[in-house]
């Protein structure tokens, strides 16, 4: 019977990890050192590509103000993601970008004044901070007496069993329920943001000045009916 034969997955040979249009192909005898070095190279490529895309859109916005959207659509890139990259690229001219720090580190401090950006990036380089460590240091540095801004979030409906479980977990942690929810969401965000590169949302001028000091209005958690 004639039919379409399934494609056989590519396999790396001679101990080399191969790149394909749809992923990586690992040899069966790949060493840990080779696997680790591949991850480091991929990380550098990913960080550089974010800068490339941001600079590409910035140039198009400035040079081809009435046509650049057509080019974005033609190459099939997500416009909102590109706008976020461009927003960060505009905050850091190439001479201020740190080759030793990933794009994501720059994204964490992009909304700060230039002098503060440089100060935090200097510390991140000096102390070899991960993105999560930089984010936590920024959070701890916030002035607790500064003006608080609230972001309205939708109400969260959850099953009675789940809400009861969360409340018991908060009690076990000796924390009030709202504080426990905020901490849990923060831990989940740190974990997920370590797995993928997600730049901050593009902000308005007023939002930029207040970024890093926002406080989220906790949604009411109620059992689903």
Protein backbone atom coordinates (compact mmCIF):
# COMPACT_ATOMS: atom_id res chain seq x y z
CA UNK A 1 0.00 0.00 0.00
CA UNK A 2 1.37 3.36 -1.04
CA UNK A 3 1.38 6.07 1.53
CA UNK A 4 3.36 8.89 3.00
CA UNK A 5 6.29 7.52 4.90
CA UNK A 6 6.89 9.19 8.25
CA UNK A 7 10.03 11.24 8.42
CA UNK A 8 12.75 9.71 10.52
CA UNK A 9 14.06 12.06 13.19
CA UNK A 10 17.52 13.44 12.60
CA UNK A 11 20.23 12.01 14.82
CA UNK A 12 23.47 13.76 15.62
CA UNK A 13 26.62 12.00 14.43
CA UNK A 14 30.26 12.00 15.47
CA UNK A 15 29.35 13.38 18.87
CA UNK A 16 27.99 16.59 17.36
CA UNK A 17 24.65 18.17 18.21
CA UNK A 18 22.93 19.13 14.97
CA UNK A 19 20.51 22.00 14.43
CA UNK A 20 17.47 21.46 12.26
CA UNK A 21 14.59 23.77 11.27
CA UNK A 22 12.43 22.14 13.93
CA UNK A 23 14.83 21.47 16.79
CA UNK A 24 18.07 19.83 17.88
CA UNK A 25 19.34 16.36 17.06
CA UNK A 26 21.49 14.76 19.76
CA UNK A 27 23.95 11.92 19.18
CA UNK A 28 23.52 8.93 21.45
CA UNK A 29 27.00 9.39 22.87
CA UNK A 30 26.77 13.12 23.61
CA UNK A 31 28.75 14.06 26.72
CA UNK A 32 27.48 16.23 29.53
CA UNK A 33 30.10 18.85 28.70
CA UNK A 34 28.93 19.05 25.07
CA UNK A 35 25.30 19.25 26.15
CA UNK A 36 26.12 22.02 28.66
CA UNK A 37 28.14 24.03 26.12
CA UNK A 38 25.29 23.75 23.62
CA UNK A 39 22.92 25.27 26.16
CA UNK A 40 25.30 28.18 26.74
CA UNK A 41 25.58 28.84 23.01
CA UNK A 42 21.82 28.64 22.53
CA UNK A 43 21.32 31.10 25.40
CA UNK A 44 23.70 33.59 23.76
CA UNK A 45 21.96 33.19 20.41
CA UNK A 46 18.53 33.71 21.98
CA UNK A 47 19.69 36.84 23.81
CA UNK A 48 21.33 38.27 20.70
CA UNK A 49 18.31 37.52 18.53
CA UNK A 50 16.09 39.57 20.85
CA UNK A 51 18.40 42.55 20.36
CA UNK A 52 18.48 41.94 16.61
CA UNK A 53 14.70 41.87 16.34
CA UNK A 54 14.32 44.93 18.55
CA UNK A 55 16.84 46.93 16.53
CA UNK A 56 15.24 45.73 13.29
CA UNK A 57 11.83 47.04 14.31
CA UNK A 58 13.21 50.30 15.71
CA UNK A 59 14.92 50.99 12.39
CA UNK A 60 11.75 50.14 10.46
CA UNK A 61 9.60 52.33 12.69
CA UNK A 62 11.94 55.29 12.18
CA UNK A 63 12.75 54.76 8.51
CA UNK A 64 9.57 53.32 7.04
CA UNK A 65 6.87 54.76 9.23
CA UNK A 66 4.06 53.92 6.82
CA UNK A 67 5.27 50.52 5.63
CA UNK A 68 7.04 48.66 8.43
CA UNK A 69 3.87 46.92 9.66
CA UNK A 70 3.54 45.30 6.25
CA UNK A 71 7.08 43.89 6.55
CA UNK A 72 6.35 42.51 10.03
CA UNK A 73 3.28 40.73 8.73
CA UNK A 74 5.15 39.44 5.67
CA UNK A 75 7.84 37.71 7.73
CA UNK A 76 5.26 36.23 10.11
CA UNK A 77 6.58 37.64 13.37
CA UNK A 78 4.37 38.47 16.34
CA UNK A 79 4.00 42.24 16.32
CA UNK A 80 3.38 42.68 20.05
CA UNK A 81 6.48 40.67 20.92
CA UNK A 82 8.51 42.75 18.48
CA UNK A 83 7.16 45.97 20.01
CA UNK A 84 8.31 44.78 23.43
CA UNK A 85 11.77 44.00 22.07
CA UNK A 86 11.88 47.39 20.35
CA UNK A 87 10.83 49.17 23.56
CA UNK A 88 13.80 47.62 25.38
CA UNK A 89 16.17 48.23 22.45
CA UNK A 90 15.29 51.94 22.52
CA UNK A 91 16.14 52.07 26.22
CA UNK A 92 19.67 50.81 25.59
CA UNK A 93 21.75 52.13 22.74
CA UNK A 94 24.32 49.48 21.69
CA UNK A 95 27.16 51.11 23.63
CA UNK A 96 25.25 50.60 26.90
CA UNK A 97 24.34 46.98 26.35
CA UNK A 98 26.29 44.47 28.39
CA UNK A 99 27.62 41.55 26.30
CA UNK A 100 28.07 39.56 29.49
CA UNK A 101 24.41 39.85 30.50
CA UNK A 102 21.42 38.37 28.64
CA UNK A 103 18.73 40.49 27.05
CA UNK A 104 16.38 39.51 29.89
CA UNK A 105 18.57 41.30 32.48
CA UNK A 106 18.26 44.50 30.47
CA UNK A 107 14.51 43.98 30.26
CA UNK A 108 14.27 43.83 34.06
CA UNK A 109 15.73 47.34 34.46
CA UNK A 110 14.57 48.95 31.21
CA UNK A 111 11.94 51.15 32.85
CA UNK A 112 14.42 52.73 35.28
CA UNK A 113 16.34 55.96 34.60
CA UNK A 114 19.60 55.33 32.69
CA UNK A 115 21.86 55.90 35.69
CA UNK A 116 19.91 53.34 37.73
CA UNK A 117 19.91 50.91 34.82
CA UNK A 118 23.70 51.07 34.71
CA UNK A 119 23.98 50.72 38.48
CA UNK A 120 21.85 47.57 38.59
CA UNK A 121 23.51 46.02 35.55
CA UNK A 122 26.91 46.72 37.12
CA UNK A 123 25.83 44.88 40.25
CA UNK A 124 24.36 42.01 38.25
CA UNK A 125 27.66 41.59 36.38
CA UNK A 126 29.79 41.97 39.48
CA UNK A 127 27.79 39.49 41.55
CA UNK A 128 26.92 37.12 38.68
CA UNK A 129 23.20 37.46 39.34
CA UNK A 130 20.70 35.38 37.43
CA UNK A 131 17.65 37.16 36.08
CA UNK A 132 15.66 35.91 39.06
CA UNK A 133 18.29 37.20 41.50
CA UNK A 134 18.24 40.61 39.79
CA UNK A 135 14.45 40.74 39.91
CA UNK A 136 14.45 39.88 43.62
CA UNK A 137 17.10 42.49 44.39
CA UNK A 138 15.05 45.11 42.57
CA UNK A 139 11.96 44.07 44.50
CA UNK A 140 13.76 44.24 47.84
CA UNK A 141 15.11 47.68 46.99
CA UNK A 142 11.70 49.21 46.56
CA UNK A 143 10.78 51.85 49.10
CA UNK A 144 7.95 50.42 51.21
CA UNK A 145 6.72 53.96 51.85
CA UNK A 146 6.43 54.87 48.18
CA UNK A 147 3.06 55.53 46.59
CA UNK A 148 1.24 52.30 45.83
CA UNK A 149 -0.54 51.68 42.56
CA UNK A 150 -3.07 48.97 42.10
CA UNK A 151 -3.81 46.87 39.05
CA UNK A 152 -7.34 45.55 38.88
CA UNK A 153 -7.42 41.81 38.31
CA UNK A 154 -10.39 39.60 37.53
CA UNK A 155 -12.04 37.62 40.26
CA UNK A 156 -10.82 34.04 40.50
CA UNK A 157 -13.34 31.22 40.81
CA UNK A 158 -12.03 27.92 42.10
CA UNK A 159 -13.43 24.69 43.45
CA UNK A 160 -14.24 24.51 47.16
CA UNK A 161 -11.68 21.76 47.66
CA UNK A 162 -8.92 23.80 46.01
CA UNK A 163 -9.69 26.94 48.06
CA UNK A 164 -9.72 24.90 51.25
CA UNK A 165 -6.36 23.37 50.30
CA UNK A 166 -4.88 26.80 49.69
CA UNK A 167 -6.15 28.09 53.01
CA UNK A 168 -4.66 25.11 54.85
CA UNK A 169 -1.33 25.68 53.06
CA UNK A 170 -1.38 29.33 54.15
CA UNK A 171 -2.03 28.26 57.74
CA UNK A 172 0.83 25.75 57.54
CA UNK A 173 3.12 28.55 56.36
CA UNK A 174 1.90 30.77 59.21
CA UNK A 175 0.84 33.42 56.68
CA UNK A 176 -2.40 35.23 56.07
CA UNK A 177 -4.29 34.00 53.03
CA UNK A 178 -3.71 37.04 50.80
CA UNK A 179 0.03 37.16 51.51
CA UNK A 180 0.33 33.45 50.83
CA UNK A 181 -1.45 33.79 47.45
CA UNK A 182 0.80 36.68 46.39
CA UNK A 183 3.93 34.73 47.41
CA UNK A 184 2.73 31.61 45.59
CA UNK A 185 2.00 33.56 42.41
CA UNK A 186 5.39 35.26 42.64
CA UNK A 187 7.19 31.93 42.97
CA UNK A 188 5.25 30.52 40.03
CA UNK A 189 6.08 33.59 37.93
CA UNK A 190 9.80 33.34 38.75
CA UNK A 191 9.76 29.67 37.78
CA UNK A 192 7.93 30.14 34.48
CA UNK A 193 9.94 33.20 33.46
CA UNK A 194 13.13 31.17 33.91
CA UNK A 195 11.85 28.74 31.28
CA UNK A 196 10.93 31.22 28.56
CA UNK A 197 11.90 34.67 27.42
CA UNK A 198 8.98 37.02 27.94
CA UNK A 199 9.77 40.73 27.78
CA UNK A 200 7.70 43.18 29.80
CA UNK A 201 4.56 44.62 28.27
CA UNK A 202 5.05 47.86 26.39
CA UNK A 203 4.18 50.66 28.76
CA UNK A 204 2.97 54.21 28.37
CA UNK A 205 5.12 57.10 29.53
CA UNK A 206 3.33 57.34 32.86
CA UNK A 207 3.53 53.59 33.38
CA UNK A 208 7.27 53.59 32.68
CA UNK A 209 7.92 56.01 35.52
CA UNK A 210 6.00 53.88 37.95
CA UNK A 211 7.19 50.46 36.75
CA UNK A 212 8.82 48.51 39.55
CA UNK A 213 6.61 50.13 42.21
CA UNK A 214 3.24 48.74 41.24
CA UNK A 215 1.25 46.70 43.68
CA UNK A 216 -1.26 44.24 42.34
CA UNK A 217 -4.75 44.30 43.72
CA UNK A 218 -5.32 40.73 44.79
CA UNK A 219 -8.36 39.15 43.17
CA UNK A 220 -11.07 37.80 45.41
CA UNK A 221 -10.87 34.02 45.58
CA UNK A 222 -14.19 32.31 45.93
CA UNK A 223 -15.36 28.73 45.48
CA UNK A 224 -16.95 28.03 42.10
CA UNK A 225 -20.65 27.39 42.31
